PDB file of N, CA and C in Angstrom:
ATOM      1  N   UNK A   1      -2.120 -34.778  -9.104  1.00  0.00           N
ATOM      2  CA  UNK A   1      -2.577 -34.006 -11.227  1.00  0.00           C
ATOM      3  C   UNK A   1      -1.747 -34.719 -11.796  1.00  0.00           C
ATOM      4  N   UNK A   2      -2.214 -35.172 -12.998  1.00  0.00           N
ATOM      5  CA  UNK A   2      -2.638 -35.612 -13.708  1.00  0.00           C
ATOM      6  C   UNK A   2      -2.062 -34.501 -15.052  1.00  0.00           C
ATOM      7  N   UNK A   3      -1.094 -35.475 -16.308  1.00  0.00           N
ATOM      8  CA  UNK A   3      -0.746 -34.106 -16.940  1.00  0.00           C
ATOM      9  C   UNK A   3       0.087 -35.299 -18.078  1.00  0.00           C
ATOM     10  N   UNK A   4      -1.328 -35.337 -19.354  1.00  0.00           N
ATOM     11  CA  UNK A   4      -0.770 -36.780 -20.471  1.00  0.00           C
ATOM     12  C   UNK A   4      -1.251 -35.885 -21.549  1.00  0.00           C
ATOM     13  N   UNK A   5      -0.146 -36.091 -22.504  1.00  0.00           N
ATOM     14  CA  UNK A   5      -0.337 -35.395 -24.158  1.00  0.00           C
ATOM     15  C   UNK A   5      -0.697 -36.910 -24.810  1.00  0.00           C
ATOM     16  N   UNK A   6      -1.310 -36.861 -25.875  1.00  0.00           N
ATOM     17  CA  UNK A   6      -1.899 -37.792 -26.811  1.00  0.00           C
ATOM     18  C   UNK A   6      -2.561 -37.228 -27.656  1.00  0.00           C
ATOM     19  N   UNK A   7      -2.556 -38.272 -29.002  1.00  0.00           N
ATOM     20  CA  UNK A   7      -2.850 -38.301 -30.091  1.00  0.00           C
ATOM     21  C   UNK A   7      -4.384 -38.390 -30.089  1.00  0.00           C
ATOM     22  N   UNK A   8      -4.724 -37.913 -29.809  1.00  0.00           N
ATOM     23  CA  UNK A   8      -6.218 -39.274 -30.073  1.00  0.00           C
ATOM     24  C   UNK A   8      -6.838 -39.894 -31.580  1.00  0.00           C
ATOM     25  N   UNK A   9      -7.045 -41.298 -32.179  1.00  0.00           N
ATOM     26  CA  UNK A   9      -7.636 -41.862 -33.674  1.00  0.00           C
ATOM     27  C   UNK A   9      -9.103 -41.516 -33.685  1.00  0.00           C
ATOM     28  N   UNK A  10      -9.822 -41.594 -32.667  1.00  0.00           N
ATOM     29  CA  UNK A  10     -11.286 -41.406 -32.728  1.00  0.00           C
ATOM     30  C   UNK A  10     -11.512 -40.329 -32.155  1.00  0.00           C
ATOM     31  N   UNK A  11     -13.386 -40.299 -32.060  1.00  0.00           N
ATOM     32  CA  UNK A  11     -13.766 -39.042 -30.959  1.00  0.00           C
ATOM     33  C   UNK A  11     -13.711 -39.589 -29.675  1.00  0.00           C
ATOM     34  N   UNK A  12     -13.544 -40.544 -29.484  1.00  0.00           N
ATOM     35  CA  UNK A  12     -13.973 -40.715 -27.623  1.00  0.00           C
ATOM     36  C   UNK A  12     -12.330 -40.846 -27.490  1.00  0.00           C
ATOM     37  N   UNK A  13     -12.525 -40.674 -25.688  1.00  0.00           N
ATOM     38  CA  UNK A  13     -11.283 -40.060 -25.003  1.00  0.00           C
ATOM     39  C   UNK A  13     -11.587 -41.384 -23.525  1.00  0.00           C
ATOM     40  N   UNK A  14     -10.721 -42.230 -23.282  1.00  0.00           N
ATOM     41  CA  UNK A  14     -10.907 -42.554 -21.830  1.00  0.00           C
ATOM     42  C   UNK A  14      -9.664 -42.443 -21.069  1.00  0.00           C
ATOM     43  N   UNK A  15     -10.107 -42.299 -19.604  1.00  0.00           N
ATOM     44  CA  UNK A  15      -9.141 -41.540 -18.816  1.00  0.00           C
ATOM     45  C   UNK A  15      -9.093 -42.878 -17.825  1.00  0.00           C
ATOM     46  N   UNK A  16      -8.299 -42.982 -17.082  1.00  0.00           N
ATOM     47  CA  UNK A  16      -8.098 -44.073 -15.980  1.00  0.00           C
ATOM     48  C   UNK A  16      -7.433 -43.144 -14.883  1.00  0.00           C
ATOM     49  N   UNK A  17      -8.648 -42.992 -13.784  1.00  0.00           N
ATOM     50  CA  UNK A  17      -8.403 -42.557 -12.499  1.00  0.00           C
ATOM     51  C   UNK A  17      -7.623 -42.885 -11.808  1.00  0.00           C
ATOM     52  N   UNK A  18      -6.404 -42.658 -10.303  1.00  0.00           N
ATOM     53  CA  UNK A  18      -6.334 -42.590  -9.577  1.00  0.00           C
ATOM     54  C   UNK A  18      -7.399 -42.903  -8.587  1.00  0.00           C
ATOM     55  N   UNK A  19      -6.945 -43.970  -7.488  1.00  0.00           N
ATOM     56  CA  UNK A  19      -8.173 -44.330  -6.530  1.00  0.00           C
ATOM     57  C   UNK A  19      -8.398 -42.733  -5.691  1.00  0.00           C
ATOM     58  N   UNK A  20      -7.732 -42.383  -5.122  1.00  0.00           N
ATOM     59  CA  UNK A  20      -7.215 -41.456  -4.860  1.00  0.00           C
ATOM     60  C   UNK A  20      -8.757 -39.922  -4.918  1.00  0.00           C
ATOM     61  N   UNK A  21      -8.787 -39.804  -7.082  1.00  0.00           N
ATOM     62  CA  UNK A  21      -9.629 -39.277  -6.774  1.00  0.00           C
ATOM     63  C   UNK A  21     -11.003 -39.671  -6.672  1.00  0.00           C
ATOM     64  N   UNK A  22     -10.749 -40.374  -6.846  1.00  0.00           N
ATOM     65  CA  UNK A  22     -12.539 -41.158  -7.193  1.00  0.00           C
ATOM     66  C   UNK A  22     -13.406 -40.764  -5.864  1.00  0.00           C
ATOM     67  N   UNK A  23     -14.653 -39.777  -5.918  1.00  0.00           N
ATOM     68  CA  UNK A  23     -16.025 -39.385  -5.409  1.00  0.00           C
ATOM     69  C   UNK A  23     -15.157 -37.946  -4.866  1.00  0.00           C
ATOM     70  N   UNK A  24     -14.787 -37.232  -5.553  1.00  0.00           N
ATOM     71  CA  UNK A  24     -14.205 -36.382  -5.362  1.00  0.00           C
ATOM     72  C   UNK A  24     -14.247 -35.387  -6.727  1.00  0.00           C
ATOM     73  N   UNK A  25     -13.888 -34.197  -6.288  1.00  0.00           N
ATOM     74  CA  UNK A  25     -14.628 -33.255  -7.358  1.00  0.00           C
ATOM     75  C   UNK A  25     -13.328 -33.114  -8.151  1.00  0.00           C
ATOM     76  N   UNK A  26     -13.524 -32.867  -9.683  1.00  0.00           N
ATOM     77  CA  UNK A  26     -12.125 -32.942 -10.086  1.00  0.00           C
ATOM     78  C   UNK A  26     -12.361 -31.535 -10.853  1.00  0.00           C
ATOM     79  N   UNK A  27     -11.815 -31.364 -12.279  1.00  0.00           N
ATOM     80  CA  UNK A  27     -11.569 -30.985 -13.110  1.00  0.00           C
ATOM     81  C   UNK A  27     -10.789 -31.239 -14.592  1.00  0.00           C
ATOM     82  N   UNK A  28     -11.444 -31.510 -15.746  1.00  0.00           N
ATOM     83  CA  UNK A  28     -10.605 -31.744 -16.858  1.00  0.00           C
ATOM     84  C   UNK A  28     -10.657 -30.814 -17.415  1.00  0.00           C
ATOM     85  N   UNK A  29     -10.011 -30.130 -18.289  1.00  0.00           N
ATOM     86  CA  UNK A  29      -9.707 -29.604 -19.549  1.00  0.00           C
ATOM     87  C   UNK A  29      -9.250 -30.059 -20.999  1.00  0.00           C
ATOM     88  N   UNK A  30      -9.994 -29.437 -22.382  1.00  0.00           N
ATOM     89  CA  UNK A  30      -8.982 -30.524 -22.999  1.00  0.00           C
ATOM     90  C   UNK A  30      -8.539 -29.842 -24.061  1.00  0.00           C
ATOM     91  N   UNK A  31      -7.815 -29.087 -24.806  1.00  0.00           N
ATOM     92  CA  UNK A  31      -7.464 -27.888 -25.325  1.00  0.00           C
ATOM     93  C   UNK A  31      -6.380 -28.453 -26.879  1.00  0.00           C
ATOM     94  N   UNK A  32      -6.515 -28.387 -27.822  1.00  0.00           N
ATOM     95  CA  UNK A  32      -5.292 -29.021 -28.889  1.00  0.00           C
ATOM     96  C   UNK A  32      -3.972 -27.738 -28.828  1.00  0.00           C
ATOM     97  N   UNK A  33      -2.571 -28.841 -28.814  1.00  0.00           N
ATOM     98  CA  UNK A  33      -1.366 -27.531 -29.176  1.00  0.00           C
ATOM     99  C   UNK A  33      -1.081 -27.803 -30.332  1.00  0.00           C
ATOM    100  N   UNK A  34      -0.382 -26.986 -30.615  1.00  0.00           N
ATOM    101  CA  UNK A  34       0.128 -26.564 -32.055  1.00  0.00           C
ATOM    102  C   UNK A  34       1.299 -27.406 -32.152  1.00  0.00           C
ATOM    103  N   UNK A  35       0.751 -28.321 -33.424  1.00  0.00           N
ATOM    104  CA  UNK A  35       2.470 -29.186 -32.887  1.00  0.00           C
ATOM    105  C   UNK A  35       3.167 -28.564 -33.770  1.00  0.00           C
ATOM    106  N   UNK A  36       3.768 -27.391 -34.624  1.00  0.00           N
ATOM    107  CA  UNK A  36       4.779 -26.915 -35.071  1.00  0.00           C
ATOM    108  C   UNK A  36       4.605 -25.444 -35.103  1.00  0.00           C
ATOM    109  N   UNK A  37       4.696 -24.645 -34.022  1.00  0.00           N
ATOM    110  CA  UNK A  37       4.277 -23.224 -33.655  1.00  0.00           C
ATOM    111  C   UNK A  37       5.518 -22.143 -34.593  1.00  0.00           C
ATOM    112  N   UNK A  38       5.232 -21.006 -34.583  1.00  0.00           N
ATOM    113  CA  UNK A  38       6.180 -20.344 -35.739  1.00  0.00           C
ATOM    114  C   UNK A  38       7.069 -20.317 -35.117  1.00  0.00           C
ATOM    115  N   UNK A  39       8.259 -19.641 -35.436  1.00  0.00           N
ATOM    116  CA  UNK A  39       9.499 -19.531 -34.647  1.00  0.00           C
ATOM    117  C   UNK A  39       9.195 -18.281 -33.672  1.00  0.00           C
ATOM    118  N   UNK A  40       8.304 -16.589 -33.867  1.00  0.00           N
ATOM    119  CA  UNK A  40       8.196 -15.378 -33.334  1.00  0.00           C
ATOM    120  C   UNK A  40       7.461 -16.259 -32.426  1.00  0.00           C
ATOM    121  N   UNK A  41       6.291 -17.183 -32.300  1.00  0.00           N
ATOM    122  CA  UNK A  41       5.686 -17.786 -31.038  1.00  0.00           C
ATOM    123  C   UNK A  41       5.894 -18.910 -29.572  1.00  0.00           C
ATOM    124  N   UNK A  42       7.251 -19.019 -30.531  1.00  0.00           N
ATOM    125  CA  UNK A  42       8.132 -20.241 -29.239  1.00  0.00           C
ATOM    126  C   UNK A  42       8.588 -18.953 -27.442  1.00  0.00           C
ATOM    127  N   UNK A  43       7.899 -19.762 -26.911  1.00  0.00           N
ATOM    128  CA  UNK A  43       8.219 -19.015 -25.347  1.00  0.00           C
ATOM    129  C   UNK A  43      10.189 -19.060 -25.700  1.00  0.00           C
ATOM    130  N   UNK A  44       9.824 -17.213 -24.663  1.00  0.00           N
ATOM    131  CA  UNK A  44      11.437 -17.328 -24.717  1.00  0.00           C
ATOM    132  C   UNK A  44      12.153 -17.702 -23.518  1.00  0.00           C
ATOM    133  N   UNK A  45      13.485 -18.282 -23.341  1.00  0.00           N
ATOM    134  CA  UNK A  45      13.874 -18.953 -22.064  1.00  0.00           C
ATOM    135  C   UNK A  45      14.473 -17.880 -21.687  1.00  0.00           C
ATOM    136  N   UNK A  46      15.526 -16.783 -22.964  1.00  0.00           N
ATOM    137  CA  UNK A  46      17.106 -15.984 -22.544  1.00  0.00           C
ATOM    138  C   UNK A  46      16.237 -14.880 -21.315  1.00  0.00           C
ATOM    139  N   UNK A  47      16.592 -14.757 -20.157  1.00  0.00           N
ATOM    140  CA  UNK A  47      16.671 -14.060 -19.321  1.00  0.00           C
ATOM    141  C   UNK A  47      17.834 -12.477 -20.142  1.00  0.00           C
ATOM    142  N   UNK A  48      18.356 -12.412 -21.286  1.00  0.00           N
ATOM    143  CA  UNK A  48      18.230 -11.133 -22.313  1.00  0.00           C
ATOM    144  C   UNK A  48      17.054 -10.964 -22.634  1.00  0.00           C
ATOM    145  N   UNK A  49      16.164 -11.771 -23.164  1.00  0.00           N
ATOM    146  CA  UNK A  49      15.186 -11.354 -23.674  1.00  0.00           C
ATOM    147  C   UNK A  49      14.118 -10.518 -22.767  1.00  0.00           C
ATOM    148  N   UNK A  50      13.932 -10.336 -21.398  1.00  0.00           N
ATOM    149  CA  UNK A  50      13.221 -10.043 -20.966  1.00  0.00           C
ATOM    150  C   UNK A  50      13.765  -8.805 -19.963  1.00  0.00           C
ATOM    151  N   UNK A  51      15.010  -9.219 -20.291  1.00  0.00           N
ATOM    152  CA  UNK A  51      15.782  -7.791 -19.621  1.00  0.00           C
ATOM    153  C   UNK A  51      15.200  -6.218 -19.632  1.00  0.00           C
ATOM    154  N   UNK A  52      15.319  -5.768 -18.669  1.00  0.00           N
ATOM    155  CA  UNK A  52      14.841  -4.399 -18.727  1.00  0.00           C
ATOM    156  C   UNK A  52      13.818  -4.052 -18.781  1.00  0.00           C
ATOM    157  N   UNK A  53      12.347  -5.056 -19.171  1.00  0.00           N
ATOM    158  CA  UNK A  53      11.587  -5.035 -18.689  1.00  0.00           C
ATOM    159  C   UNK A  53      10.614  -4.570 -17.554  1.00  0.00           C
ATOM    160  N   UNK A  54      11.750  -4.474 -15.795  1.00  0.00           N
ATOM    161  CA  UNK A  54      10.638  -4.321 -15.237  1.00  0.00           C
ATOM    162  C   UNK A  54      11.614  -2.870 -14.645  1.00  0.00           C
ATOM    163  N   UNK A  55      12.628  -2.559 -16.209  1.00  0.00           N
ATOM    164  CA  UNK A  55      13.166  -0.868 -15.083  1.00  0.00           C
ATOM    165  C   UNK A  55      12.141   0.246 -14.596  1.00  0.00           C
ATOM    166  N   UNK A  56      10.829   0.448 -15.556  1.00  0.00           N
ATOM    167  CA  UNK A  56       9.876   2.074 -14.741  1.00  0.00           C
ATOM    168  C   UNK A  56       9.851   1.306 -13.102  1.00  0.00           C
ATOM    169  N   UNK A  57      10.068   0.446 -12.771  1.00  0.00           N
ATOM    170  CA  UNK A  57       9.371   0.357 -11.623  1.00  0.00           C
ATOM    171  C   UNK A  57      11.213  -0.102 -10.049  1.00  0.00           C
ATOM    172  N   UNK A  58      11.588   0.420 -10.600  1.00  0.00           N
ATOM    173  CA  UNK A  58      12.945   0.182 -10.165  1.00  0.00           C
ATOM    174  C   UNK A  58      13.313   1.387  -8.769  1.00  0.00           C
ATOM    175  N   UNK A  59      13.418   0.974  -7.835  1.00  0.00           N
ATOM    176  CA  UNK A  59      14.033   2.541  -7.004  1.00  0.00           C
ATOM    177  C   UNK A  59      15.666   2.593  -6.645  1.00  0.00           C
ATOM    178  N   UNK A  60      15.858   3.359  -7.505  1.00  0.00           N
ATOM    179  CA  UNK A  60      17.189   3.532  -7.567  1.00  0.00           C
ATOM    180  C   UNK A  60      18.049   3.649  -6.076  1.00  0.00           C
ATOM    181  N   UNK A  61      17.096   4.176  -5.475  1.00  0.00           N
ATOM    182  CA  UNK A  61      18.308   3.891  -4.209  1.00  0.00           C
ATOM    183  C   UNK A  61      18.186   2.905  -3.413  1.00  0.00           C
ATOM    184  N   UNK A  62      17.553   1.812  -3.916  1.00  0.00           N
ATOM    185  CA  UNK A  62      17.631   0.274  -3.037  1.00  0.00           C
ATOM    186  C   UNK A  62      19.219  -1.010  -4.180  1.00  0.00           C
ATOM    187  N   UNK A  63      19.635  -0.069  -5.598  1.00  0.00           N
ATOM    188  CA  UNK A  63      20.411  -0.883  -5.649  1.00  0.00           C
ATOM    189  C   UNK A  63      21.187  -1.559  -5.190  1.00  0.00           C
ATOM    190  N   UNK A  64      21.788  -0.318  -4.581  1.00  0.00           N
ATOM    191  CA  UNK A  64      22.988  -0.734  -4.074  1.00  0.00           C
ATOM    192  C   UNK A  64      22.923  -2.105  -2.840  1.00  0.00           C
ATOM    193  N   UNK A  65      20.977  -1.832  -2.147  1.00  0.00           N
ATOM    194  CA  UNK A  65      20.702  -2.829  -1.451  1.00  0.00           C
ATOM    195  C   UNK A  65      20.542  -4.776  -1.814  1.00  0.00           C
ATOM    196  N   UNK A  66      21.048  -4.438  -3.685  1.00  0.00           N
ATOM    197  CA  UNK A  66      20.027  -6.016  -3.658  1.00  0.00           C
ATOM    198  C   UNK A  66      20.750  -6.732  -3.374  1.00  0.00           C
ATOM    199  N   UNK A  67      22.307  -7.071  -3.547  1.00  0.00           N
ATOM    200  CA  UNK A  67      23.344  -8.024  -3.365  1.00  0.00           C
ATOM    201  C   UNK A  67      23.247  -8.541  -1.945  1.00  0.00           C
ATOM    202  N   UNK A  68      22.918  -7.594  -1.188  1.00  0.00           N
ATOM    203  CA  UNK A  68      22.267  -8.392   0.174  1.00  0.00           C
ATOM    204  C   UNK A  68      21.206  -8.431   1.149  1.00  0.00           C
ATOM    205  N   UNK A  69      20.020  -8.348  -0.071  1.00  0.00           N
ATOM    206  CA  UNK A  69      18.615  -8.640   0.564  1.00  0.00           C
ATOM    207  C   UNK A  69      18.320  -9.373   0.839  1.00  0.00           C
ATOM    208  N   UNK A  70      18.854 -10.583   0.248  1.00  0.00           N
ATOM    209  CA  UNK A  70      18.023 -11.966   0.597  1.00  0.00           C
ATOM    210  C   UNK A  70      18.721 -12.198   1.977  1.00  0.00           C
ATOM    211  N   UNK A  71      20.056 -12.397   2.271  1.00  0.00           N
ATOM    212  CA  UNK A  71      20.495 -12.490   3.710  1.00  0.00           C
ATOM    213  C   UNK A  71      19.741 -11.887   4.623  1.00  0.00           C
ATOM    214  N   UNK A  72      19.379 -10.332   4.519  1.00  0.00           N
ATOM    215  CA  UNK A  72      19.185  -9.317   5.504  1.00  0.00           C
ATOM    216  C   UNK A  72      18.392  -9.857   5.762  1.00  0.00           C
ATOM    217  N   UNK A  73      16.650 -10.477   4.870  1.00  0.00           N
ATOM    218  CA  UNK A  73      15.645 -10.594   4.951  1.00  0.00           C
ATOM    219  C   UNK A  73      15.113 -11.978   5.381  1.00  0.00           C
ATOM    220  N   UNK A  74      16.441 -13.282   5.453  1.00  0.00           N
ATOM    221  CA  UNK A  74      16.347 -14.186   5.996  1.00  0.00           C
ATOM    222  C   UNK A  74      16.966 -13.454   7.623  1.00  0.00           C
ATOM    223  N   UNK A  75      17.719 -12.932   7.601  1.00  0.00           N
ATOM    224  CA  UNK A  75      18.541 -12.691   9.268  1.00  0.00           C
ATOM    225  C   UNK A  75      17.193 -12.156  10.233  1.00  0.00           C
ATOM    226  N   UNK A  76      16.100 -10.980   9.640  1.00  0.00           N
ATOM    227  CA  UNK A  76      15.746 -10.802   9.986  1.00  0.00           C
ATOM    228  C   UNK A  76      14.793 -11.628  10.909  1.00  0.00           C
ATOM    229  N   UNK A  77      13.540 -12.077   9.691  1.00  0.00           N
ATOM    230  CA  UNK A  77      12.539 -13.025   9.553  1.00  0.00           C
ATOM    231  C   UNK A  77      13.210 -14.480  10.914  1.00  0.00           C
ATOM    232  N   UNK A  78      14.031 -15.004  10.929  1.00  0.00           N
ATOM    233  CA  UNK A  78      14.974 -16.081  11.306  1.00  0.00           C
ATOM    234  C   UNK A  78      15.466 -15.891  12.420  1.00  0.00           C
ATOM    235  N   UNK A  79      16.831 -14.667  12.307  1.00  0.00           N
ATOM    236  CA  UNK A  79      17.174 -14.317  13.267  1.00  0.00           C
ATOM    237  C   UNK A  79      18.736 -15.214  12.760  1.00  0.00           C
ATOM    238  N   UNK A  80      19.060 -15.889  11.954  1.00  0.00           N
ATOM    239  CA  UNK A  80      19.729 -16.774  12.525  1.00  0.00           C
ATOM    240  C   UNK A  80      20.922 -16.354  11.081  1.00  0.00           C
TER     241      UNK A  80
END
């Protein structure tokens, strides 16, 4: 995959493709990036910001199993 952010100064853009892309079907997408997004539009990465959004789907009877669920799954799947 190639990803590059450029600031064109003309109506043309030349893209150098790796050899392994020659004679293959490829897709390219061009869209403008926002240079200064408004504070409300900036993505939030804080877990506090998303906390609770899955609460309606919680199964209260399984909450006690959460701490050991991963380890139990690995034991069940791989027997280790």
